[in-house]
Amino acid sequence: MVKIPAPLKFYVDNQSEFEVPGATVAELLENVVSRYPSFKAHLFDSNGKLRRYFNVFVNGVHIRDLNGMETPLQEGDKVILMASAAGG
């Protein structure tokens, strides 16, 4: 299950949650952008790296505290994509 923040739902057919396969976080994200190509520019930079301001959580744990983009996924895992907010 992938959860998308409200400001980015436009790029995924106005869905806040949807199912997409993937054995790792990297594979899951590639499958997301394959299904929703307009979302790619928001997730990845021009070098194909996850944008700095995007945070990815698997079952509530940030992927930087796991195995990064190679974090393995199992059926039933919740992946949350969250854009960082900045301001002052």
C-alpha atoms as a PDB file:
ATOM      1  CA  MET A   1       0.000   0.000   0.000  1.00  0.00           C
ATOM      2  CA  VAL A   2       1.361   3.406  -1.000  1.00  0.00           C
ATOM      3  CA  LYS A   3       0.107   6.585   0.684  1.00  0.00           C
ATOM      4  CA  ILE A   4       0.479   9.914  -1.108  1.00  0.00           C
ATOM      5  CA  PRO A   5       0.274  13.387   0.497  1.00  0.00           C
ATOM      6  CA  ALA A   6      -2.753  15.474  -0.442  1.00  0.00           C
ATOM      7  CA  PRO A   7      -0.850  18.123  -2.457  1.00  0.00           C
ATOM      8  CA  LEU A   8       0.467  15.417  -4.830  1.00  0.00           C
ATOM      9  CA  LYS A   9      -2.731  13.393  -5.298  1.00  0.00           C
ATOM     10  CA  PHE A  10      -3.355  15.232  -8.575  1.00  0.00           C
ATOM     11  CA  TYR A  11      -0.478  13.276 -10.161  1.00  0.00           C
ATOM     12  CA  VAL A  12      -1.879   9.874  -9.133  1.00  0.00           C
ATOM     13  CA  ASP A  13      -5.498  10.199 -10.289  1.00  0.00           C
ATOM     14  CA  ASN A  14      -6.493  11.959  -7.036  1.00  0.00           C
ATOM     15  CA  GLN A  15      -5.825   8.872  -4.957  1.00  0.00           C
ATOM     16  CA  SER A  16      -4.433   9.108  -1.450  1.00  0.00           C
ATOM     17  CA  GLU A  17      -3.700   5.357  -1.281  1.00  0.00           C
ATOM     18  CA  PHE A  18      -3.215   2.637  -3.852  1.00  0.00           C
ATOM     19  CA  GLU A  19      -1.594  -0.752  -4.303  1.00  0.00           C
ATOM     20  CA  VAL A  20       1.529  -1.131  -6.409  1.00  0.00           C
ATOM     21  CA  PRO A  21       3.958  -4.071  -6.495  1.00  0.00           C
ATOM     22  CA  GLY A  22       7.626  -3.904  -5.577  1.00  0.00           C
ATOM     23  CA  ALA A  23      10.159  -6.140  -3.843  1.00  0.00           C
ATOM     24  CA  THR A  24      12.140  -3.075  -2.694  1.00  0.00           C
ATOM     25  CA  VAL A  25      11.389   0.603  -2.189  1.00  0.00           C
ATOM     26  CA  ALA A  26      13.291   1.397  -5.414  1.00  0.00           C
ATOM     27  CA  GLU A  27      11.230  -1.098  -7.418  1.00  0.00           C
ATOM     28  CA  LEU A  28       7.979   0.119  -5.899  1.00  0.00           C
ATOM     29  CA  LEU A  29       8.794   3.752  -6.771  1.00  0.00           C
ATOM     30  CA  GLU A  30       9.728   2.779 -10.321  1.00  0.00           C
ATOM     31  CA  ASN A  31       6.377   1.010 -10.627  1.00  0.00           C
ATOM     32  CA  VAL A  32       4.593   4.093  -9.260  1.00  0.00           C
ATOM     33  CA  VAL A  33       6.171   6.378 -11.872  1.00  0.00           C
ATOM     34  CA  SER A  34       5.584   3.777 -14.576  1.00  0.00           C
ATOM     35  CA  ARG A  35       1.880   3.883 -13.744  1.00  0.00           C
ATOM     36  CA  TYR A  36       1.817   7.664 -13.182  1.00  0.00           C
ATOM     37  CA  PRO A  37       4.559   9.205 -15.376  1.00  0.00           C
ATOM     38  CA  SER A  38       3.737  12.806 -14.420  1.00  0.00           C
ATOM     39  CA  PHE A  39       4.691  11.977 -10.812  1.00  0.00           C
ATOM     40  CA  LYS A  40       8.288  11.140 -11.775  1.00  0.00           C
ATOM     41  CA  ALA A  41       9.521  14.748 -11.838  1.00  0.00           C
ATOM     42  CA  HIS A  42       8.249  15.215  -8.289  1.00  0.00           C
ATOM     43  CA  LEU A  43       9.945  12.098  -6.926  1.00  0.00           C
ATOM     44  CA  PHE A  44      13.242  11.981  -8.818  1.00  0.00           C
ATOM     45  CA  ASP A  45      15.805  14.577  -9.845  1.00  0.00           C
ATOM     46  CA  SER A  46      17.415  14.753 -13.298  1.00  0.00           C
ATOM     47  CA  ASN A  47      19.993  12.137 -12.218  1.00  0.00           C
ATOM     48  CA  GLY A  48      17.286   9.644 -11.273  1.00  0.00           C
ATOM     49  CA  LYS A  49      17.873  10.049  -7.529  1.00  0.00           C
ATOM     50  CA  LEU A  50      15.069  10.501  -5.035  1.00  0.00           C
ATOM     51  CA  ARG A  51      14.663  14.227  -4.427  1.00  0.00           C
ATOM     52  CA  ARG A  52      16.190  15.490  -1.174  1.00  0.00           C
ATOM     53  CA  TYR A  53      12.921  16.872   0.110  1.00  0.00           C
ATOM     54  CA  PHE A  54      11.075  13.591  -0.320  1.00  0.00           C
ATOM     55  CA  ASN A  55      10.857  11.296   2.669  1.00  0.00           C
ATOM     56  CA  VAL A  56       9.878   7.661   2.342  1.00  0.00           C
ATOM     57  CA  PHE A  57       8.634   5.653   5.300  1.00  0.00           C
ATOM     58  CA  VAL A  58       8.022   1.912   5.444  1.00  0.00           C
ATOM     59  CA  ASN A  59       5.672   0.936   8.250  1.00  0.00           C
ATOM     60  CA  GLY A  60       6.442   4.233   9.973  1.00  0.00           C
ATOM     61  CA  VAL A  61      10.247   3.964   9.758  1.00  0.00           C
ATOM     62  CA  HIS A  62      12.248   6.313   7.500  1.00  0.00           C
ATOM     63  CA  ILE A  63      14.139   4.368   4.829  1.00  0.00           C
ATOM     64  CA  ARG A  64      17.402   6.078   5.879  1.00  0.00           C
ATOM     65  CA  ASP A  65      17.085   4.072   9.126  1.00  0.00           C
ATOM     66  CA  LEU A  66      16.525   0.888   7.123  1.00  0.00           C
ATOM     67  CA  ASN A  67      18.312  -0.083   3.886  1.00  0.00           C
ATOM     68  CA  GLY A  68      17.497   3.071   1.936  1.00  0.00           C
ATOM     69  CA  MET A  69      16.071   2.515  -1.521  1.00  0.00           C
ATOM     70  CA  GLU A  70      17.006  -1.174  -1.261  1.00  0.00           C
ATOM     71  CA  THR A  71      14.738  -1.695   1.756  1.00  0.00           C
ATOM     72  CA  PRO A  72      12.882  -4.953   1.098  1.00  0.00           C
ATOM     73  CA  LEU A  73       9.095  -4.876   1.073  1.00  0.00           C
ATOM     74  CA  GLN A  74       6.605  -7.548   1.990  1.00  0.00           C
ATOM     75  CA  GLU A  75       2.913  -7.858   1.281  1.00  0.00           C
ATOM     76  CA  GLY A  76       0.971  -5.662   3.668  1.00  0.00           C
ATOM     77  CA  ASP A  77       3.755  -3.092   4.190  1.00  0.00           C
ATOM     78  CA  LYS A  78       2.671   0.549   4.171  1.00  0.00           C
ATOM     79  CA  VAL A  79       4.886   2.919   2.225  1.00  0.00           C
ATOM     80  CA  ILE A  80       4.271   6.604   2.863  1.00  0.00           C
ATOM     81  CA  LEU A  81       5.671   9.227   0.501  1.00  0.00           C
ATOM     82  CA  MET A  82       5.969  12.577   2.220  1.00  0.00           C
ATOM     83  CA  ALA A  83       7.345  15.832   0.881  1.00  0.00           C
ATOM     84  CA  SER A  84       9.213  17.915   3.457  1.00  0.00           C
ATOM     85  CA  ALA A  85       7.707  21.247   4.339  1.00  0.00           C
ATOM     86  CA  ALA A  86       9.854  24.316   4.806  1.00  0.00           C
ATOM     87  CA  GLY A  87       9.052  27.726   6.007  1.00  0.00           C
ATOM     88  CA  GLY A  88       9.695  30.242   8.654  1.00  0.00           C
END
